């Protein structure tokens, strides 16, 4: 399945599940001010503030609740045991790790695809063969030049120092 279709569909399902999960329709959050944190957070649109022990409607227009409403350390949303600041830091770290992992995988896949291809191997083999051929030609030319120099100076026979070896 294409990821461009799967990712938005997954976000939509998770968003709808969050909105409809264990919410009590028709009750305002402010009516639950005298209750506990667990009672307040049964409605997903509510936010519990520990310092004021109040249940308020989550300000959806601002992504994070303003400090005047409740400090992030004392704000609870979703679960009473997790403060909002920890939730934000955790999600940011997890998101960063996912992005870095994705980029590393993308880099590795592109690198492996480029260097592991048959075309690259054939190109390297052709270059190696070409280099060996040039080297052999140079050796043959040098041998020919040495032979010509030996003949020019009358050293064409056996090496005079071979008897000492």
N, C-alpha and C. Protein backbone atom coordinates (compact mmCIF):
# COMPACT_ATOMS: atom_id res chain seq x y z
N UNK A 1 0.85 -1.18 0.00
CA UNK A 1 0.00 0.00 0.00
C UNK A 1 0.90 1.24 0.00
N UNK A 2 0.48 2.25 -0.65
CA UNK A 2 1.25 3.48 -0.76
C UNK A 2 1.25 4.24 0.57
N UNK A 3 2.41 4.70 1.01
CA UNK A 3 2.54 5.41 2.29
C UNK A 3 1.84 6.76 2.25
N UNK A 4 1.74 7.36 1.08
CA UNK A 4 1.06 8.66 0.98
C UNK A 4 -0.43 8.54 1.31
N UNK A 5 -0.99 7.37 1.14
CA UNK A 5 -2.40 7.14 1.47
C UNK A 5 -2.52 6.60 2.89
N UNK A 6 -1.60 5.72 3.27
CA UNK A 6 -1.67 5.06 4.57
C UNK A 6 -1.48 6.04 5.73
N UNK A 7 -0.53 6.95 5.63
CA UNK A 7 -0.23 7.85 6.74
C UNK A 7 -1.40 8.78 7.07
N UNK A 8 -2.00 9.50 6.10
CA UNK A 8 -3.15 10.33 6.45
C UNK A 8 -4.34 9.52 6.97
N UNK A 9 -4.54 8.32 6.44
CA UNK A 9 -5.64 7.49 6.90
C UNK A 9 -5.41 7.08 8.36
N UNK A 10 -4.16 6.75 8.70
CA UNK A 10 -3.83 6.39 10.07
C UNK A 10 -4.04 7.57 11.01
N UNK A 11 -3.63 8.76 10.60
CA UNK A 11 -3.85 9.95 11.41
C UNK A 11 -5.33 10.23 11.62
N UNK A 12 -6.12 10.05 10.59
CA UNK A 12 -7.57 10.27 10.70
C UNK A 12 -8.19 9.29 11.69
N UNK A 13 -7.81 8.02 11.60
CA UNK A 13 -8.36 7.01 12.51
C UNK A 13 -7.95 7.30 13.95
N UNK A 14 -6.69 7.65 14.17
CA UNK A 14 -6.23 7.97 15.51
C UNK A 14 -6.92 9.22 16.06
N UNK A 15 -7.11 10.21 15.21
CA UNK A 15 -7.80 11.43 15.64
C UNK A 15 -9.24 11.15 16.03
N UNK A 16 -9.93 10.36 15.23
CA UNK A 16 -11.33 10.02 15.55
C UNK A 16 -11.41 9.16 16.80
N UNK A 17 -10.45 8.25 16.97
CA UNK A 17 -10.46 7.41 18.16
C UNK A 17 -10.23 8.25 19.41
N UNK A 18 -9.39 9.27 19.32
CA UNK A 18 -9.13 10.14 20.47
C UNK A 18 -10.36 10.97 20.81
N UNK A 19 -11.05 11.45 19.80
CA UNK A 19 -12.22 12.29 20.04
C UNK A 19 -13.35 11.48 20.67
N UNK A 20 -13.57 10.26 20.17
CA UNK A 20 -14.71 9.47 20.64
C UNK A 20 -14.37 8.53 21.79
N UNK A 21 -13.13 8.47 22.21
CA UNK A 21 -12.74 7.52 23.26
C UNK A 21 -13.19 8.00 24.62
N UNK A 22 -14.08 7.28 25.22
CA UNK A 22 -14.49 7.46 26.61
C UNK A 22 -14.87 8.91 26.94
N UNK A 23 -15.46 9.61 26.02
CA UNK A 23 -15.88 10.97 26.31
C UNK A 23 -17.34 10.97 26.76
N UNK A 24 -17.63 11.90 27.63
CA UNK A 24 -18.98 12.02 28.14
C UNK A 24 -19.63 13.21 27.46
N UNK A 25 -20.46 12.97 26.45
CA UNK A 25 -21.03 14.09 25.72
C UNK A 25 -22.02 14.87 26.56
N UNK A 26 -22.04 16.16 26.32
CA UNK A 26 -23.04 17.00 26.96
C UNK A 26 -22.62 17.56 28.30
N UNK A 27 -21.53 17.08 28.90
CA UNK A 27 -21.11 17.61 30.20
C UNK A 27 -19.92 18.54 29.98
N UNK A 28 -20.02 19.72 30.53
CA UNK A 28 -18.93 20.67 30.43
C UNK A 28 -17.86 20.32 31.45
N UNK A 29 -16.63 20.66 31.11
CA UNK A 29 -15.51 20.33 31.99
C UNK A 29 -15.58 21.11 33.30
N UNK A 30 -16.07 22.32 33.24
CA UNK A 30 -16.12 23.15 34.44
C UNK A 30 -17.07 22.58 35.50
N UNK A 31 -18.02 21.73 35.11
CA UNK A 31 -18.93 21.11 36.06
C UNK A 31 -18.20 20.09 36.93
N UNK A 32 -17.03 19.63 36.50
CA UNK A 32 -16.29 18.60 37.21
C UNK A 32 -15.16 19.19 38.06
N UNK A 33 -15.22 20.47 38.40
CA UNK A 33 -14.17 21.10 39.19
C UNK A 33 -14.00 20.50 40.57
N UNK A 34 -15.04 20.03 41.15
CA UNK A 34 -14.97 19.51 42.51
C UNK A 34 -14.62 18.02 42.54
N UNK A 35 -14.45 17.40 41.37
CA UNK A 35 -14.16 15.96 41.31
C UNK A 35 -12.66 15.73 41.29
N UNK A 36 -12.27 14.51 40.97
CA UNK A 36 -10.86 14.14 40.91
C UNK A 36 -10.32 14.27 39.48
N UNK A 37 -9.01 14.04 39.37
CA UNK A 37 -8.36 14.11 38.05
C UNK A 37 -8.91 13.04 37.12
N UNK A 38 -9.07 11.82 37.63
CA UNK A 38 -9.58 10.73 36.80
C UNK A 38 -10.97 11.02 36.27
N UNK A 39 -11.82 11.59 37.12
CA UNK A 39 -13.18 11.93 36.70
C UNK A 39 -13.16 13.01 35.63
N UNK A 40 -12.28 13.99 35.79
CA UNK A 40 -12.18 15.09 34.83
C UNK A 40 -11.70 14.58 33.47
N UNK A 41 -10.68 13.73 33.48
CA UNK A 41 -10.05 13.31 32.23
C UNK A 41 -10.81 12.21 31.50
N UNK A 42 -11.95 11.80 32.02
CA UNK A 42 -12.78 10.86 31.25
C UNK A 42 -13.30 11.52 29.98
N UNK A 43 -13.44 12.82 30.02
CA UNK A 43 -13.82 13.59 28.84
C UNK A 43 -12.53 14.08 28.19
N UNK A 44 -12.28 13.69 26.93
CA UNK A 44 -11.02 14.03 26.28
C UNK A 44 -10.87 15.52 25.99
N UNK A 45 -11.93 16.27 26.08
CA UNK A 45 -11.81 17.71 25.83
C UNK A 45 -11.49 18.48 27.11
N UNK A 46 -11.23 17.76 28.21
CA UNK A 46 -10.94 18.42 29.49
C UNK A 46 -9.46 18.35 29.83
N UNK A 47 -9.04 19.33 30.60
CA UNK A 47 -7.66 19.45 31.07
C UNK A 47 -7.70 19.63 32.58
N UNK A 48 -6.88 18.87 33.32
CA UNK A 48 -6.85 18.96 34.78
C UNK A 48 -5.60 19.72 35.19
N UNK A 49 -5.77 20.70 36.05
CA UNK A 49 -4.65 21.47 36.57
C UNK A 49 -4.46 21.10 38.04
N UNK A 50 -3.28 20.59 38.39
CA UNK A 50 -3.02 20.10 39.74
C UNK A 50 -2.96 21.25 40.75
N UNK A 51 -2.31 22.37 40.38
CA UNK A 51 -2.13 23.45 41.35
C UNK A 51 -3.47 24.05 41.78
N UNK A 52 -4.37 24.24 40.83
CA UNK A 52 -5.67 24.84 41.17
C UNK A 52 -6.73 23.77 41.44
N UNK A 53 -6.40 22.50 41.17
CA UNK A 53 -7.34 21.38 41.29
C UNK A 53 -8.66 21.68 40.57
N UNK A 54 -8.49 22.15 39.33
CA UNK A 54 -9.66 22.52 38.55
C UNK A 54 -9.67 21.78 37.22
N UNK A 55 -10.85 21.56 36.72
CA UNK A 55 -11.05 20.90 35.44
C UNK A 55 -11.53 21.97 34.46
N UNK A 56 -10.77 22.18 33.41
CA UNK A 56 -11.11 23.22 32.44
C UNK A 56 -11.18 22.62 31.05
N UNK A 57 -11.88 23.28 30.16
CA UNK A 57 -11.95 22.84 28.77
C UNK A 57 -10.61 23.11 28.11
N UNK A 58 -10.10 22.10 27.39
CA UNK A 58 -8.79 22.23 26.74
C UNK A 58 -8.88 23.30 25.65
N UNK A 59 -7.96 24.28 25.66
CA UNK A 59 -7.99 25.34 24.64
C UNK A 59 -7.46 24.82 23.30
N UNK A 60 -8.35 24.40 22.45
CA UNK A 60 -7.93 23.79 21.19
C UNK A 60 -7.39 24.79 20.18
N UNK A 61 -7.72 26.06 20.31
CA UNK A 61 -7.22 27.06 19.37
C UNK A 61 -5.71 27.28 19.54
N UNK A 62 -5.25 27.18 20.76
CA UNK A 62 -3.80 27.20 21.02
C UNK A 62 -3.38 25.75 21.22
N UNK A 63 -2.33 25.34 20.56
CA UNK A 63 -1.92 23.94 20.62
C UNK A 63 -1.54 23.56 22.05
N UNK A 64 -0.76 24.42 22.71
CA UNK A 64 -0.39 24.18 24.10
C UNK A 64 -1.23 25.06 25.00
N UNK A 65 -1.60 24.56 26.17
CA UNK A 65 -2.38 25.41 27.08
C UNK A 65 -1.53 26.58 27.57
N UNK A 66 -2.08 27.79 27.60
CA UNK A 66 -1.29 28.95 28.05
C UNK A 66 -0.90 28.82 29.52
N UNK A 67 0.21 29.45 29.88
CA UNK A 67 0.72 29.38 31.25
C UNK A 67 -0.26 30.00 32.24
N UNK A 68 -1.02 31.00 31.80
CA UNK A 68 -2.00 31.64 32.68
C UNK A 68 -3.12 30.65 33.06
N UNK A 69 -3.45 29.74 32.15
CA UNK A 69 -4.48 28.74 32.44
C UNK A 69 -3.95 27.68 33.41
N UNK A 70 -2.77 27.14 33.09
CA UNK A 70 -2.14 26.13 33.95
C UNK A 70 -0.72 25.92 33.46
N UNK A 71 0.30 25.91 34.34
CA UNK A 71 1.67 25.63 33.91
C UNK A 71 1.77 24.23 33.32
N UNK A 72 2.67 24.05 32.34
CA UNK A 72 2.79 22.75 31.67
C UNK A 72 3.18 21.64 32.63
N UNK A 73 3.96 21.95 33.68
CA UNK A 73 4.34 20.92 34.65
C UNK A 73 3.13 20.37 35.40
N UNK A 74 2.13 21.22 35.60
CA UNK A 74 0.97 20.83 36.39
C UNK A 74 -0.24 20.44 35.55
N UNK A 75 -0.16 20.59 34.26
CA UNK A 75 -1.29 20.26 33.38
C UNK A 75 -1.31 18.76 33.11
N UNK A 76 -2.48 18.18 33.16
CA UNK A 76 -2.67 16.76 32.87
C UNK A 76 -3.75 16.64 31.80
N UNK A 77 -3.44 15.81 30.80
CA UNK A 77 -4.40 15.59 29.72
C UNK A 77 -4.24 14.15 29.26
N UNK A 78 -5.30 13.42 29.23
CA UNK A 78 -5.27 12.02 28.83
C UNK A 78 -5.08 11.08 30.00
N UNK A 79 -4.01 11.26 30.77
CA UNK A 79 -3.71 10.43 31.94
C UNK A 79 -3.25 11.32 33.08
N UNK A 80 -3.64 10.97 34.27
CA UNK A 80 -3.29 11.79 35.45
C UNK A 80 -1.83 11.64 35.84
N UNK A 81 -1.19 10.56 35.51
CA UNK A 81 0.18 10.31 35.93
C UNK A 81 1.22 10.98 35.03
N UNK A 82 0.82 11.53 33.88
CA UNK A 82 1.78 12.11 32.95
C UNK A 82 1.51 13.60 32.77
N UNK A 83 2.54 14.42 33.09
CA UNK A 83 2.33 15.85 32.90
C UNK A 83 2.53 16.23 31.44
N UNK A 84 2.03 17.37 31.08
CA UNK A 84 2.00 17.81 29.70
C UNK A 84 3.41 18.08 29.17
N UNK A 85 4.28 18.62 30.03
CA UNK A 85 5.64 18.93 29.61
C UNK A 85 6.40 17.65 29.25
N UNK A 86 6.26 16.61 30.06
CA UNK A 86 6.91 15.33 29.77
C UNK A 86 6.36 14.74 28.48
N UNK A 87 5.08 14.85 28.27
CA UNK A 87 4.46 14.35 27.06
C UNK A 87 5.04 15.04 25.82
N UNK A 88 5.18 16.35 25.87
CA UNK A 88 5.70 17.10 24.72
C UNK A 88 7.15 16.73 24.45
N UNK A 89 7.97 16.65 25.50
CA UNK A 89 9.39 16.29 25.33
C UNK A 89 9.52 14.88 24.77
N UNK A 90 8.74 13.95 25.30
CA UNK A 90 8.80 12.57 24.83
C UNK A 90 8.40 12.47 23.37
N UNK A 91 7.32 13.12 22.99
CA UNK A 91 6.88 13.08 21.59
C UNK A 91 7.90 13.74 20.66
N UNK A 92 8.53 14.82 21.12
CA UNK A 92 9.55 15.48 20.30
C UNK A 92 10.76 14.57 20.09
N UNK A 93 11.20 13.89 21.15
CA UNK A 93 12.35 12.99 21.03
C UNK A 93 12.01 11.81 20.12
N UNK A 94 10.85 11.22 20.31
CA UNK A 94 10.44 10.09 19.47
C UNK A 94 10.32 10.53 18.01
N UNK A 95 9.74 11.69 17.78
CA UNK A 95 9.64 12.20 16.41
C UNK A 95 11.00 12.44 15.79
N UNK A 96 11.92 13.01 16.57
CA UNK A 96 13.28 13.24 16.07
C UNK A 96 13.99 11.95 15.73
N UNK A 97 13.85 10.95 16.59
CA UNK A 97 14.48 9.65 16.33
C UNK A 97 13.90 9.02 15.07
N UNK A 98 12.60 9.12 14.89
CA UNK A 98 11.97 8.55 13.70
C UNK A 98 12.46 9.26 12.44
N UNK A 99 12.57 10.58 12.49
CA UNK A 99 13.05 11.33 11.32
C UNK A 99 14.50 10.97 11.01
N UNK A 100 15.34 10.90 12.04
CA UNK A 100 16.75 10.54 11.82
C UNK A 100 16.87 9.13 11.27
N UNK A 101 16.09 8.20 11.82
CA UNK A 101 16.12 6.81 11.32
C UNK A 101 15.67 6.74 9.87
N UNK A 102 14.65 7.51 9.53
CA UNK A 102 14.17 7.54 8.15
C UNK A 102 15.26 8.07 7.21
N UNK A 103 15.93 9.16 7.62
CA UNK A 103 16.98 9.73 6.78
C UNK A 103 18.16 8.78 6.64
N UNK A 104 18.53 8.09 7.71
CA UNK A 104 19.62 7.12 7.63
C UNK A 104 19.25 5.98 6.69
N UNK A 105 18.04 5.48 6.82
CA UNK A 105 17.59 4.40 5.92
C UNK A 105 17.57 4.86 4.47
N UNK A 106 17.10 6.07 4.25
CA UNK A 106 17.06 6.63 2.90
C UNK A 106 18.46 6.75 2.33
N UNK A 107 19.39 7.25 3.13
CA UNK A 107 20.78 7.39 2.68
C UNK A 107 21.39 6.03 2.37
N UNK A 108 21.18 5.06 3.27
CA UNK A 108 21.75 3.72 3.07
C UNK A 108 21.16 3.06 1.82
N UNK A 109 19.87 3.20 1.61
CA UNK A 109 19.24 2.59 0.44
C UNK A 109 19.78 3.20 -0.85
N UNK A 110 19.93 4.51 -0.88
CA UNK A 110 20.44 5.17 -2.08
C UNK A 110 21.89 4.77 -2.33
N UNK A 111 22.68 4.69 -1.27
CA UNK A 111 24.09 4.34 -1.40
C UNK A 111 24.23 2.90 -1.87
N UNK A 112 23.47 1.99 -1.27
CA UNK A 112 23.55 0.58 -1.65
C UNK A 112 23.08 0.37 -3.08
N UNK A 113 22.07 1.09 -3.47
CA UNK A 113 21.53 0.96 -4.82
C UNK A 113 22.55 1.41 -5.86
N UNK A 114 23.27 2.48 -5.54
CA UNK A 114 24.23 3.04 -6.48
C UNK A 114 25.48 2.16 -6.57
N UNK A 115 26.01 1.69 -5.44
CA UNK A 115 27.26 0.95 -5.46
C UNK A 115 27.06 -0.55 -5.64
N UNK A 116 25.89 -1.05 -5.43
CA UNK A 116 25.67 -2.48 -5.54
C UNK A 116 25.10 -2.91 -6.87
N UNK A 117 24.98 -2.00 -7.79
CA UNK A 117 24.33 -2.35 -9.05
C UNK A 117 25.29 -3.10 -9.97
N UNK A 118 24.74 -3.86 -10.87
CA UNK A 118 25.53 -4.61 -11.85
C UNK A 118 26.25 -3.66 -12.79
N UNK A 119 25.62 -2.56 -13.09
CA UNK A 119 26.23 -1.58 -13.98
C UNK A 119 27.51 -1.02 -13.37
N UNK A 120 27.48 -0.76 -12.06
CA UNK A 120 28.66 -0.25 -11.38
C UNK A 120 29.77 -1.30 -11.36
N UNK A 121 29.39 -2.57 -11.11
CA UNK A 121 30.38 -3.65 -11.09
C UNK A 121 31.00 -3.84 -12.48
N UNK A 122 30.20 -3.78 -13.52
CA UNK A 122 30.71 -3.92 -14.88
C UNK A 122 31.65 -2.77 -15.23
N UNK A 123 31.31 -1.58 -14.81
CA UNK A 123 32.14 -0.41 -15.08
C UNK A 123 33.50 -0.55 -14.39
N UNK A 124 33.49 -1.02 -13.13
CA UNK A 124 34.74 -1.21 -12.40
C UNK A 124 35.60 -2.29 -13.05
N UNK A 125 34.98 -3.36 -13.50
CA UNK A 125 35.72 -4.44 -14.14
C UNK A 125 36.33 -3.96 -15.47
N UNK A 126 35.60 -3.20 -16.22
CA UNK A 126 36.10 -2.66 -17.48
C UNK A 126 37.29 -1.74 -17.24
N UNK A 127 37.19 -0.89 -16.22
CA UNK A 127 38.29 0.01 -15.89
C UNK A 127 39.52 -0.78 -15.44
N UNK A 128 39.32 -1.84 -14.67
CA UNK A 128 40.44 -2.67 -14.22
C UNK A 128 41.13 -3.35 -15.39
N UNK A 129 40.36 -3.86 -16.33
CA UNK A 129 40.91 -4.51 -17.52
C UNK A 129 41.70 -3.51 -18.35
N UNK A 130 41.18 -2.32 -18.50
CA UNK A 130 41.85 -1.26 -19.26
C UNK A 130 43.19 -0.90 -18.61
N UNK A 131 43.20 -0.80 -17.28
CA UNK A 131 44.44 -0.46 -16.57
C UNK A 131 45.47 -1.57 -16.73
N UNK A 132 45.06 -2.83 -16.64
CA UNK A 132 46.00 -3.95 -16.81
C UNK A 132 46.58 -3.98 -18.22
N UNK A 133 45.76 -3.70 -19.21
CA UNK A 133 46.23 -3.69 -20.59
C UNK A 133 47.28 -2.61 -20.80
N UNK A 134 47.04 -1.40 -20.29
CA UNK A 134 48.00 -0.31 -20.41
C UNK A 134 49.31 -0.66 -19.71
N UNK A 135 49.22 -1.29 -18.55
CA UNK A 135 50.41 -1.66 -17.80
C UNK A 135 51.25 -2.68 -18.57
N UNK A 136 50.59 -3.67 -19.16
CA UNK A 136 51.30 -4.67 -19.95
C UNK A 136 51.96 -4.04 -21.17
N UNK A 137 51.30 -3.09 -21.84
CA UNK A 137 51.89 -2.40 -22.98
C UNK A 137 53.14 -1.63 -22.57
N UNK A 138 53.07 -0.93 -21.42
CA UNK A 138 54.23 -0.19 -20.94
C UNK A 138 55.41 -1.12 -20.64
N UNK A 139 55.13 -2.25 -20.01
CA UNK A 139 56.18 -3.22 -19.72
C UNK A 139 56.84 -3.72 -21.00
N UNK A 140 56.03 -4.03 -22.01
CA UNK A 140 56.56 -4.51 -23.29
C UNK A 140 57.42 -3.43 -23.95
N UNK A 141 56.97 -2.16 -23.91
CA UNK A 141 57.75 -1.05 -24.49
C UNK A 141 59.09 -0.88 -23.76
N UNK A 142 59.07 -0.95 -22.43
CA UNK A 142 60.31 -0.79 -21.66
C UNK A 142 61.27 -1.94 -21.97
N UNK A 143 60.75 -3.16 -22.07
CA UNK A 143 61.58 -4.30 -22.40
C UNK A 143 62.22 -4.13 -23.78
N UNK A 144 61.44 -3.63 -24.73
CA UNK A 144 61.94 -3.40 -26.10
C UNK A 144 63.04 -2.34 -26.09
N UNK A 145 62.84 -1.23 -25.32
CA UNK A 145 63.85 -0.18 -25.23
C UNK A 145 65.14 -0.70 -24.60
N UNK A 146 65.00 -1.47 -23.54
CA UNK A 146 66.19 -2.04 -22.89
C UNK A 146 66.96 -2.95 -23.85
N UNK A 147 66.22 -3.74 -24.61
CA UNK A 147 66.84 -4.64 -25.59
C UNK A 147 67.58 -3.84 -26.65
N UNK A 148 66.98 -2.74 -27.14
CA UNK A 148 67.64 -1.89 -28.14
C UNK A 148 68.91 -1.27 -27.58
N UNK A 149 68.88 -0.82 -26.34
CA UNK A 149 70.07 -0.22 -25.72
C UNK A 149 71.16 -1.27 -25.57
N UNK A 150 70.82 -2.48 -25.16
CA UNK A 150 71.81 -3.56 -25.04
C UNK A 150 72.48 -3.85 -26.38
N UNK A 151 71.65 -3.90 -27.44
CA UNK A 151 72.21 -4.18 -28.77
C UNK A 151 73.10 -3.03 -29.24
N UNK A 152 72.72 -1.80 -28.94
CA UNK A 152 73.48 -0.62 -29.36
C UNK A 152 74.89 -0.64 -28.75
N UNK A 153 75.01 -1.04 -27.51
CA UNK A 153 76.30 -1.03 -26.83
C UNK A 153 76.96 -2.41 -26.79
N UNK A 154 76.42 -3.34 -27.52
CA UNK A 154 77.02 -4.65 -27.64
C UNK A 154 76.85 -5.53 -26.42
N UNK A 155 75.80 -5.33 -25.72
CA UNK A 155 75.52 -6.13 -24.53
C UNK A 155 74.40 -7.12 -24.79
N UNK A 156 74.26 -7.55 -26.01
CA UNK A 156 73.16 -8.41 -26.40
C UNK A 156 73.30 -9.83 -25.91
N UNK A 157 74.48 -10.25 -25.52
CA UNK A 157 74.70 -11.63 -25.11
C UNK A 157 74.27 -11.86 -23.68
N UNK A 158 74.89 -12.91 -23.13
CA UNK A 158 74.57 -13.30 -21.77
C UNK A 158 75.12 -12.26 -20.80
N UNK A 159 74.46 -12.10 -19.69
CA UNK A 159 74.86 -11.13 -18.68
C UNK A 159 76.21 -11.57 -18.11
N UNK A 160 77.26 -10.70 -18.13
CA UNK A 160 78.57 -11.11 -17.65
C UNK A 160 78.62 -11.39 -16.14
N UNK A 161 77.68 -10.89 -15.42
CA UNK A 161 77.67 -11.10 -13.97
C UNK A 161 76.92 -12.37 -13.57
N UNK A 162 76.34 -13.08 -14.52
CA UNK A 162 75.57 -14.26 -14.18
C UNK A 162 76.44 -15.39 -13.65
N UNK A 163 77.75 -15.38 -13.97
CA UNK A 163 78.61 -16.44 -13.48
C UNK A 163 78.90 -16.29 -11.98
N UNK A 164 78.69 -15.09 -11.39
CA UNK A 164 78.92 -14.88 -9.98
C UNK A 164 77.72 -15.28 -9.11
N UNK A 165 76.63 -15.48 -9.73
CA UNK A 165 75.41 -15.78 -8.97
C UNK A 165 75.33 -17.20 -8.52
